Amino acid sequence: MFTPRVAVASLSGEADAAWARAAAPHVGCAFLGGVSLDGPTREAARRLVARDRTEFLPDDPVAFVDDQLHALADSPIEPAVNVRTTTLGSLREAAGVCAAHDAVVEVNAHCRQAEMCEVGAGEALLRDTDRLCEQVAAASAFATTSVKVRTEVEGVDLPALARALERAGADWIHVDAMDSEAVVGEVREACDLSLVANNGVRDRATVREYLEYGADAVSVGRPSDDPRVLRRVREAVDEWFADREVRA
């Protein structure tokens, strides 16, 4: 997995190559995106823009992914691209581009905006294990594959889902813990996926909580453009792993 074990997580319509470069002194990975790949998700993204949300809506989303990854070719960070789609063909195409750049493709089963869920993308995939696993299998045939998920979704057994994703070929699981941090520990016990924990990562206390639950790394969301927060988180992560080495 990437080092240092700190990532910045995609902020819809803001997490591009320039954003990732700004964070690079402090992190080992940047999740770009989210990028809507197919007709239904792009139309949902347009509806989001119409109500003042920021979204990436390039004419050619796969070419956009290629351009963004090319712009990071000389960067030390490991890039990942968070994508939303309802079709496997567009996902395979994006995953192939990610593979060509040694980047991770991340299947978005996380976005909870009604417009995206109505077309069957984002959080809607958490309630449809078969479709989500189909997407994971399609992506993982080409590239290292992460899945972005969230806790506190009614009717979703996240540890059981993690096991299914692992069987489908996922490599990473990126957990937005919301206010249920202990679920990170349950997911850790359920699978051997590389686990990135997200939500509220700001300081030493939050870093240690997630790492104690068994996360392999943490990601910073909203303050990902604040170097003071990134520096503080990086120092806490480095301290944690240094302590573990001493104990070993």
C-alpha atoms as a PDB file:
ATOM      1  CA  MET A   1       0.000   0.000   0.000  1.00  0.00           C
ATOM      2  CA  PHE A   2       0.978   3.622  -0.467  1.00  0.00           C
ATOM      3  CA  THR A   3       3.250   5.451   1.947  1.00  0.00           C
ATOM      4  CA  PRO A   4       2.862   7.593   3.904  1.00  0.00           C
ATOM      5  CA  ARG A   5      -0.436   5.991   4.877  1.00  0.00           C
ATOM      6  CA  VAL A   6      -2.358   9.211   4.370  1.00  0.00           C
ATOM      7  CA  ALA A   7      -4.609   9.959   1.407  1.00  0.00           C
ATOM      8  CA  VAL A   8      -6.705  12.856   0.303  1.00  0.00           C
ATOM      9  CA  ALA A   9     -10.204  11.850  -0.757  1.00  0.00           C
ATOM     10  CA  SER A  10     -12.147  13.055  -3.761  1.00  0.00           C
ATOM     11  CA  LEU A  11     -14.231  16.190  -3.424  1.00  0.00           C
ATOM     12  CA  SER A  12     -16.802  16.182  -6.199  1.00  0.00           C
ATOM     13  CA  GLY A  13     -15.755  18.516  -8.983  1.00  0.00           C
ATOM     14  CA  GLU A  14     -12.697  19.743  -7.093  1.00  0.00           C
ATOM     15  CA  ALA A  15     -10.327  16.786  -6.756  1.00  0.00           C
ATOM     16  CA  ASP A  16      -8.175  17.121  -9.852  1.00  0.00           C
ATOM     17  CA  ALA A  17      -4.467  16.791 -10.604  1.00  0.00           C
ATOM     18  CA  ALA A  18      -3.658  20.305  -9.357  1.00  0.00           C
ATOM     19  CA  TRP A  19      -5.408  19.549  -6.067  1.00  0.00           C
ATOM     20  CA  ALA A  20      -3.469  16.290  -5.741  1.00  0.00           C
ATOM     21  CA  ARG A  21      -0.151  18.019  -6.442  1.00  0.00           C
ATOM     22  CA  ALA A  22      -0.832  20.564  -3.712  1.00  0.00           C
ATOM     23  CA  ALA A  23      -1.344  17.738  -1.201  1.00  0.00           C
ATOM     24  CA  ALA A  24       1.625  15.653  -2.391  1.00  0.00           C
ATOM     25  CA  PRO A  25       4.147  16.831   0.255  1.00  0.00           C
ATOM     26  CA  HIS A  26       1.955  15.294   2.966  1.00  0.00           C
ATOM     27  CA  VAL A  27       0.251  12.223   1.473  1.00  0.00           C
ATOM     28  CA  GLY A  28       0.903   8.961  -0.293  1.00  0.00           C
ATOM     29  CA  CYS A  29      -2.289   8.750  -2.331  1.00  0.00           C
ATOM     30  CA  ALA A  30      -4.909  11.040  -3.851  1.00  0.00           C
ATOM     31  CA  PHE A  31      -8.413   9.926  -4.851  1.00  0.00           C
ATOM     32  CA  LEU A  32      -9.386  12.123  -7.798  1.00  0.00           C
ATOM     33  CA  GLY A  33     -12.980  12.564  -8.898  1.00  0.00           C
ATOM     34  CA  GLY A  34     -15.698  11.723  -8.721  1.00  0.00           C
ATOM     35  CA  VAL A  35     -16.040  11.324 -12.457  1.00  0.00           C
ATOM     36  CA  SER A  36     -19.405  10.371 -13.951  1.00  0.00           C
ATOM     37  CA  LEU A  37     -18.689   8.056 -16.866  1.00  0.00           C
ATOM     38  CA  ASP A  38     -21.927   7.174 -18.630  1.00  0.00           C
ATOM     39  CA  GLY A  39     -25.129   8.842 -19.794  1.00  0.00           C
ATOM     40  CA  PRO A  40     -27.274   8.295 -16.688  1.00  0.00           C
ATOM     41  CA  THR A  41     -24.613   9.413 -14.217  1.00  0.00           C
ATOM     42  CA  ARG A  42     -23.634  12.399 -16.360  1.00  0.00           C
ATOM     43  CA  GLU A  43     -27.259  13.512 -16.526  1.00  0.00           C
ATOM     44  CA  ALA A  44     -27.472  13.113 -12.748  1.00  0.00           C
ATOM     45  CA  ALA A  45     -24.315  15.221 -12.422  1.00  0.00           C
ATOM     46  CA  ARG A  46     -25.871  17.928 -14.613  1.00  0.00           C
ATOM     47  CA  ARG A  47     -28.884  17.990 -12.306  1.00  0.00           C
ATOM     48  CA  LEU A  48     -26.526  18.357  -9.346  1.00  0.00           C
ATOM     49  CA  VAL A  49     -24.803  21.291 -11.034  1.00  0.00           C
ATOM     50  CA  ALA A  50     -28.203  22.876 -11.626  1.00  0.00           C
ATOM     51  CA  ARG A  51     -28.663  23.052  -7.873  1.00  0.00           C
ATOM     52  CA  ASP A  52     -25.244  24.578  -7.291  1.00  0.00           C
ATOM     53  CA  ARG A  53     -23.077  21.532  -6.659  1.00  0.00           C
ATOM     54  CA  THR A  54     -19.657  21.267  -8.277  1.00  0.00           C
ATOM     55  CA  GLU A  55     -19.136  18.360 -10.698  1.00  0.00           C
ATOM     56  CA  PHE A  56     -16.646  17.333 -13.362  1.00  0.00           C
ATOM     57  CA  LEU A  57     -18.512  17.288 -16.686  1.00  0.00           C
ATOM     58  CA  PRO A  58     -15.884  17.104 -19.455  1.00  0.00           C
ATOM     59  CA  ASP A  59     -17.028  16.241 -22.973  1.00  0.00           C
ATOM     60  CA  ASP A  60     -15.100  12.952 -22.788  1.00  0.00           C
ATOM     61  CA  PRO A  61     -14.844  11.649 -19.215  1.00  0.00           C
ATOM     62  CA  VAL A  62     -12.391   8.839 -20.008  1.00  0.00           C
ATOM     63  CA  ALA A  63     -10.073  11.241 -21.847  1.00  0.00           C
ATOM     64  CA  PHE A  64     -10.368  13.538 -18.843  1.00  0.00           C
ATOM     65  CA  VAL A  65      -9.214  10.711 -16.556  1.00  0.00           C
ATOM     66  CA  ASP A  66      -6.299  10.053 -18.898  1.00  0.00           C
ATOM     67  CA  ASP A  67      -5.321  13.739 -18.943  1.00  0.00           C
ATOM     68  CA  GLN A  68      -5.495  14.060 -15.167  1.00  0.00           C
ATOM     69  CA  LEU A  69      -3.370  10.976 -14.597  1.00  0.00           C
ATOM     70  CA  HIS A  70      -0.871  12.091 -17.222  1.00  0.00           C
ATOM     71  CA  ALA A  71      -0.526  15.366 -15.290  1.00  0.00           C
ATOM     72  CA  LEU A  72       0.510  13.329 -12.247  1.00  0.00           C
ATOM     73  CA  ALA A  73       3.032  11.156 -14.077  1.00  0.00           C
ATOM     74  CA  ASP A  74       6.022  12.712 -12.318  1.00  0.00           C
ATOM     75  CA  SER A  75       4.340  12.979  -8.911  1.00  0.00           C
ATOM     76  CA  PRO A  76       5.438  10.718  -6.024  1.00  0.00           C
ATOM     77  CA  ILE A  77       1.861  10.052  -4.914  1.00  0.00           C
ATOM     78  CA  GLU A  78      -0.175   7.006  -5.933  1.00  0.00           C
ATOM     79  CA  PRO A  79      -3.210   8.264  -7.862  1.00  0.00           C
ATOM     80  CA  ALA A  80      -6.701   6.795  -7.664  1.00  0.00           C
ATOM     81  CA  VAL A  81      -9.782   7.868  -9.604  1.00  0.00           C
ATOM     82  CA  ASN A  82     -13.256   7.662  -8.084  1.00  0.00           C
ATOM     83  CA  VAL A  83     -15.833   6.905 -10.794  1.00  0.00           C
ATOM     84  CA  ARG A  84     -19.605   6.642 -10.992  1.00  0.00           C
ATOM     85  CA  THR A  85     -21.360   4.607 -13.653  1.00  0.00           C
ATOM     86  CA  THR A  86     -24.298   2.333 -14.355  1.00  0.00           C
ATOM     87  CA  THR A  87     -22.650   0.542 -17.290  1.00  0.00           C
ATOM     88  CA  LEU A  88     -19.786  -1.918 -17.312  1.00  0.00           C
ATOM     89  CA  GLY A  89     -18.332  -0.857 -20.646  1.00  0.00           C
ATOM     90  CA  SER A  90     -17.518   2.658 -19.510  1.00  0.00           C
ATOM     91  CA  LEU A  91     -16.070   1.297 -16.291  1.00  0.00           C
ATOM     92  CA  ARG A  92     -13.813  -1.132 -18.128  1.00  0.00           C
ATOM     93  CA  GLU A  93     -12.590   1.686 -20.363  1.00  0.00           C
ATOM     94  CA  ALA A  94     -11.771   3.925 -17.392  1.00  0.00           C
ATOM     95  CA  ALA A  95     -10.133   1.040 -15.533  1.00  0.00           C
ATOM     96  CA  GLY A  96      -7.935   0.365 -18.548  1.00  0.00           C
ATOM     97  CA  VAL A  97      -6.770   3.977 -18.553  1.00  0.00           C
ATOM     98  CA  CYS A  98      -6.038   3.757 -14.830  1.00  0.00           C
ATOM     99  CA  ALA A  99      -4.039   0.584 -15.374  1.00  0.00           C
ATOM    100  CA  ALA A 100      -1.972   2.286 -18.086  1.00  0.00           C
ATOM    101  CA  HIS A 101      -0.978   4.930 -15.531  1.00  0.00           C
ATOM    102  CA  ASP A 102      -0.457   2.450 -12.643  1.00  0.00           C
ATOM    103  CA  ALA A 103      -3.404   4.129 -10.936  1.00  0.00           C
ATOM    104  CA  VAL A 104      -6.205   2.710  -8.822  1.00  0.00           C
ATOM    105  CA  VAL A 105      -9.785   2.819 -10.068  1.00  0.00           C
ATOM    106  CA  GLU A 106     -12.342   3.381  -7.321  1.00  0.00           C
ATOM    107  CA  VAL A 107     -15.944   2.291  -7.747  1.00  0.00           C
ATOM    108  CA  ASN A 108     -18.215   4.848  -6.112  1.00  0.00           C
ATOM    109  CA  ALA A 109     -20.840   3.167  -3.922  1.00  0.00           C
ATOM    110  CA  HIS A 110     -20.836   6.206  -1.684  1.00  0.00           C
ATOM    111  CA  CYS A 111     -22.526   9.265  -3.228  1.00  0.00           C
ATOM    112  CA  ARG A 112     -25.855   9.749  -1.456  1.00  0.00           C
ATOM    113  CA  GLN A 113     -27.233  12.558  -3.606  1.00  0.00           C
ATOM    114  CA  ALA A 114     -30.769  11.675  -4.696  1.00  0.00           C
ATOM    115  CA  GLU A 115     -30.048  12.393  -8.350  1.00  0.00           C
ATOM    116  CA  MET A 116     -27.236   9.829  -8.441  1.00  0.00           C
ATOM    117  CA  CYS A 117     -29.092   7.205  -6.414  1.00  0.00           C
ATOM    118  CA  GLU A 118     -32.166   7.482  -8.651  1.00  0.00           C
ATOM    119  CA  VAL A 119     -30.164   6.274 -11.655  1.00  0.00           C
ATOM    120  CA  GLY A 120     -28.739   3.353  -9.681  1.00  0.00           C
ATOM    121  CA  ALA A 121     -25.273   4.723  -8.933  1.00  0.00           C
ATOM    122  CA  GLY A 122     -23.485   5.778  -5.773  1.00  0.00           C
ATOM    123  CA  GLU A 123     -25.102   4.666  -2.523  1.00  0.00           C
ATOM    124  CA  ALA A 124     -27.779   2.755  -4.457  1.00  0.00           C
ATOM    125  CA  LEU A 125     -25.117   0.144  -5.220  1.00  0.00           C
ATOM    126  CA  LEU A 126     -24.704  -0.590  -1.508  1.00  0.00           C
ATOM    127  CA  ARG A 127     -28.222  -2.035  -1.558  1.00  0.00           C
ATOM    128  CA  ASP A 128     -27.556  -4.104  -4.681  1.00  0.00           C
ATOM    129  CA  THR A 129     -24.639  -6.397  -3.896  1.00  0.00           C
ATOM    130  CA  ASP A 130     -24.838  -8.263  -7.183  1.00  0.00           C
ATOM    131  CA  ARG A 131     -24.569  -5.114  -9.329  1.00  0.00           C
ATOM    132  CA  LEU A 132     -21.798  -3.684  -7.172  1.00  0.00           C
ATOM    133  CA  CYS A 133     -19.830  -6.923  -7.383  1.00  0.00           C
ATOM    134  CA  GLU A 134     -20.311  -6.934 -11.173  1.00  0.00           C
ATOM    135  CA  GLN A 135     -18.738  -3.491 -11.315  1.00  0.00           C
ATOM    136  CA  VAL A 136     -15.872  -4.590  -9.086  1.00  0.00           C
ATOM    137  CA  ALA A 137     -15.219  -7.684 -11.202  1.00  0.00           C
ATOM    138  CA  ALA A 138     -15.243  -5.596 -14.382  1.00  0.00           C
ATOM    139  CA  ALA A 139     -12.824  -3.006 -12.992  1.00  0.00           C
ATOM    140  CA  SER A 140     -10.491  -5.465 -11.295  1.00  0.00           C
ATOM    141  CA  ALA A 141      -9.907  -7.321 -14.559  1.00  0.00           C
ATOM    142  CA  PHE A 142      -7.864  -4.269 -15.590  1.00  0.00           C
ATOM    143  CA  ALA A 143      -6.655  -2.293 -12.576  1.00  0.00           C
ATOM    144  CA  THR A 144      -6.167  -2.288  -8.833  1.00  0.00           C
ATOM    145  CA  THR A 145      -9.690  -1.632  -7.587  1.00  0.00           C
ATOM    146  CA  SER A 146     -10.977   0.255  -4.563  1.00  0.00           C
ATOM    147  CA  VAL A 147     -14.598   0.582  -3.487  1.00  0.00           C
ATOM    148  CA  LYS A 148     -15.798   3.704  -1.656  1.00  0.00           C
ATOM    149  CA  VAL A 149     -18.584   2.846   0.806  1.00  0.00           C
ATOM    150  CA  ARG A 150     -20.327   4.484   3.733  1.00  0.00           C
ATOM    151  CA  THR A 151     -21.691   3.285   7.053  1.00  0.00           C
ATOM    152  CA  GLU A 152     -25.170   3.935   8.457  1.00  0.00           C
ATOM    153  CA  VAL A 153     -27.067   2.860   5.337  1.00  0.00           C
ATOM    154  CA  GLU A 154     -30.230   1.099   6.424  1.00  0.00           C
ATOM    155  CA  GLY A 155     -30.299  -2.586   5.566  1.00  0.00           C
ATOM    156  CA  VAL A 156     -26.635  -2.778   4.544  1.00  0.00           C
ATOM    157  CA  ASP A 157     -24.352  -5.190   6.418  1.00  0.00           C
ATOM    158  CA  LEU A 158     -21.026  -3.592   5.602  1.00  0.00           C
ATOM    159  CA  PRO A 159     -18.783  -6.418   6.907  1.00  0.00           C
ATOM    160  CA  ALA A 160     -20.725  -8.968   4.843  1.00  0.00           C
ATOM    161  CA  LEU A 161     -20.544  -6.657   1.833  1.00  0.00           C
ATOM    162  CA  ALA A 162     -16.784  -6.323   2.309  1.00  0.00           C
ATOM    163  CA  ARG A 163     -16.423 -10.103   2.092  1.00  0.00           C
ATOM    164  CA  ALA A 164     -18.457 -10.145  -1.124  1.00  0.00           C
ATOM    165  CA  LEU A 165     -16.359  -7.353  -2.623  1.00  0.00           C
ATOM    166  CA  GLU A 166     -13.184  -9.238  -1.774  1.00  0.00           C
ATOM    167  CA  ARG A 167     -14.492 -12.337  -3.545  1.00  0.00           C
ATOM    168  CA  ALA A 168     -15.423 -10.192  -6.559  1.00  0.00           C
ATOM    169  CA  GLY A 169     -11.826  -8.992  -6.901  1.00  0.00           C
ATOM    170  CA  ALA A 170     -11.595  -5.736  -4.956  1.00  0.00           C
ATOM    171  CA  ASP A 171      -8.195  -4.802  -3.550  1.00  0.00           C
ATOM    172  CA  TRP A 172      -9.090  -1.852  -1.305  1.00  0.00           C
ATOM    173  CA  ILE A 173     -12.147  -0.741   0.636  1.00  0.00           C
ATOM    174  CA  HIS A 174     -12.468   2.970   1.442  1.00  0.00           C
ATOM    175  CA  VAL A 175     -14.862   3.365   4.364  1.00  0.00           C
ATOM    176  CA  ASP A 176     -16.620   6.631   5.174  1.00  0.00           C
ATOM    177  CA  ALA A 177     -17.362   5.872   8.820  1.00  0.00           C
ATOM    178  CA  MET A 178     -19.885   8.683   9.341  1.00  0.00           C
ATOM    179  CA  ASP A 179     -20.573   8.487  13.109  1.00  0.00           C
ATOM    180  CA  SER A 180     -20.009   4.724  13.325  1.00  0.00           C
ATOM    181  CA  GLU A 181     -16.240   4.502  13.647  1.00  0.00           C
ATOM    182  CA  ALA A 182     -16.377   1.044  15.249  1.00  0.00           C
ATOM    183  CA  VAL A 183     -17.657  -0.394  11.966  1.00  0.00           C
ATOM    184  CA  VAL A 184     -14.119   0.030  10.660  1.00  0.00           C
ATOM    185  CA  GLY A 185     -13.076  -2.661  13.145  1.00  0.00           C
ATOM    186  CA  GLU A 186     -15.911  -4.936  12.024  1.00  0.00           C
ATOM    187  CA  VAL A 187     -14.916  -4.548   8.378  1.00  0.00           C
ATOM    188  CA  ARG A 188     -11.287  -5.239   9.302  1.00  0.00           C
ATOM    189  CA  GLU A 189     -12.293  -8.517  10.965  1.00  0.00           C
ATOM    190  CA  ALA A 190     -14.435  -9.506   8.003  1.00  0.00           C
ATOM    191  CA  CYS A 191     -11.914  -9.204   5.162  1.00  0.00           C
ATOM    192  CA  ASP A 192      -8.277  -8.903   4.126  1.00  0.00           C
ATOM    193  CA  LEU A 193      -8.803  -5.913   1.835  1.00  0.00           C
ATOM    194  CA  SER A 194      -6.531  -2.920   2.285  1.00  0.00           C
ATOM    195  CA  LEU A 195      -8.705  -0.631   4.385  1.00  0.00           C
ATOM    196  CA  VAL A 196      -8.694   3.164   4.139  1.00  0.00           C
ATOM    197  CA  ALA A 197     -10.760   4.927   6.824  1.00  0.00           C
ATOM    198  CA  ASN A 198     -12.394   8.280   6.158  1.00  0.00           C
ATOM    199  CA  ASN A 199     -14.553  10.855   7.957  1.00  0.00           C
ATOM    200  CA  GLY A 200     -13.479  13.418  10.504  1.00  0.00           C
ATOM    201  CA  VAL A 201      -9.761  12.723  10.060  1.00  0.00           C
ATOM    202  CA  ARG A 202      -8.247  15.905  11.418  1.00  0.00           C
ATOM    203  CA  ASP A 203      -5.747  15.200  14.193  1.00  0.00           C
ATOM    204  CA  ARG A 204      -3.838  12.670  16.282  1.00  0.00           C
ATOM    205  CA  ALA A 205      -6.931  11.452  18.129  1.00  0.00           C
ATOM    206  CA  THR A 206      -8.944  10.625  15.023  1.00  0.00           C
ATOM    207  CA  VAL A 207      -5.953   9.045  13.302  1.00  0.00           C
ATOM    208  CA  ARG A 208      -5.221   6.786  16.258  1.00  0.00           C
ATOM    209  CA  GLU A 209      -8.871   5.768  16.602  1.00  0.00           C
ATOM    210  CA  TYR A 210      -9.090   4.523  13.032  1.00  0.00           C
ATOM    211  CA  LEU A 211      -5.690   2.825  13.078  1.00  0.00           C
ATOM    212  CA  GLU A 212      -6.518   1.114  16.360  1.00  0.00           C
ATOM    213  CA  TYR A 213      -9.658  -0.267  14.714  1.00  0.00           C
ATOM    214  CA  GLY A 214      -7.415  -1.853  12.103  1.00  0.00           C
ATOM    215  CA  ALA A 215      -7.369   0.625   9.219  1.00  0.00           C
ATOM    216  CA  ASP A 216      -4.267   0.403   7.034  1.00  0.00           C
ATOM    217  CA  ALA A 217      -4.459   4.095   6.159  1.00  0.00           C
ATOM    218  CA  VAL A 218      -6.647   7.155   6.619  1.00  0.00           C
ATOM    219  CA  SER A 219      -7.987   9.687   4.147  1.00  0.00           C
ATOM    220  CA  VAL A 220      -8.745  13.365   4.629  1.00  0.00           C
ATOM    221  CA  GLY A 221     -11.888  14.685   2.970  1.00  0.00           C
ATOM    222  CA  ARG A 222     -13.189  18.236   3.347  1.00  0.00           C
ATOM    223  CA  PRO A 223      -9.962  19.822   4.666  1.00  0.00           C
ATOM    224  CA  SER A 224      -7.858  18.101   2.011  1.00  0.00           C
ATOM    225  CA  ASP A 225      -6.773  21.493   0.719  1.00  0.00           C
ATOM    226  CA  ASP A 226      -5.562  22.656   4.145  1.00  0.00           C
ATOM    227  CA  PRO A 227      -1.826  21.920   4.519  1.00  0.00           C
ATOM    228  CA  ARG A 228      -2.011  22.461   8.290  1.00  0.00           C
ATOM    229  CA  VAL A 229      -4.480  19.589   8.661  1.00  0.00           C
ATOM    230  CA  LEU A 230      -2.552  17.373   6.250  1.00  0.00           C
ATOM    231  CA  ARG A 231       0.702  18.019   8.091  1.00  0.00           C
ATOM    232  CA  ARG A 232      -0.924  17.198  11.444  1.00  0.00           C
ATOM    233  CA  VAL A 233      -2.446  13.979  10.123  1.00  0.00           C
ATOM    234  CA  ARG A 234       0.804  12.911   8.451  1.00  0.00           C
ATOM    235  CA  GLU A 235       2.720  13.420  11.678  1.00  0.00           C
ATOM    236  CA  ALA A 236       0.166  11.355  13.626  1.00  0.00           C
ATOM    237  CA  VAL A 237       0.263   8.516  11.084  1.00  0.00           C
ATOM    238  CA  ASP A 238       4.068   8.468  11.002  1.00  0.00           C
ATOM    239  CA  GLU A 239       4.138   8.418  14.813  1.00  0.00           C
ATOM    240  CA  TRP A 240       1.691   5.507  14.950  1.00  0.00           C
ATOM    241  CA  PHE A 241       3.654   3.295  12.572  1.00  0.00           C
ATOM    242  CA  ALA A 242       6.992   4.226  14.148  1.00  0.00           C
ATOM    243  CA  ASP A 243       5.632   3.128  17.535  1.00  0.00           C
ATOM    244  CA  ARG A 244       4.501  -0.162  16.026  1.00  0.00           C
ATOM    245  CA  GLU A 245       7.968  -0.818  14.611  1.00  0.00           C
ATOM    246  CA  VAL A 246       9.566  -0.158  18.000  1.00  0.00           C
ATOM    247  CA  ARG A 247       7.166  -2.575  19.711  1.00  0.00           C
ATOM    248  CA  ALA A 248       7.871  -5.237  17.110  1.00  0.00           C
END
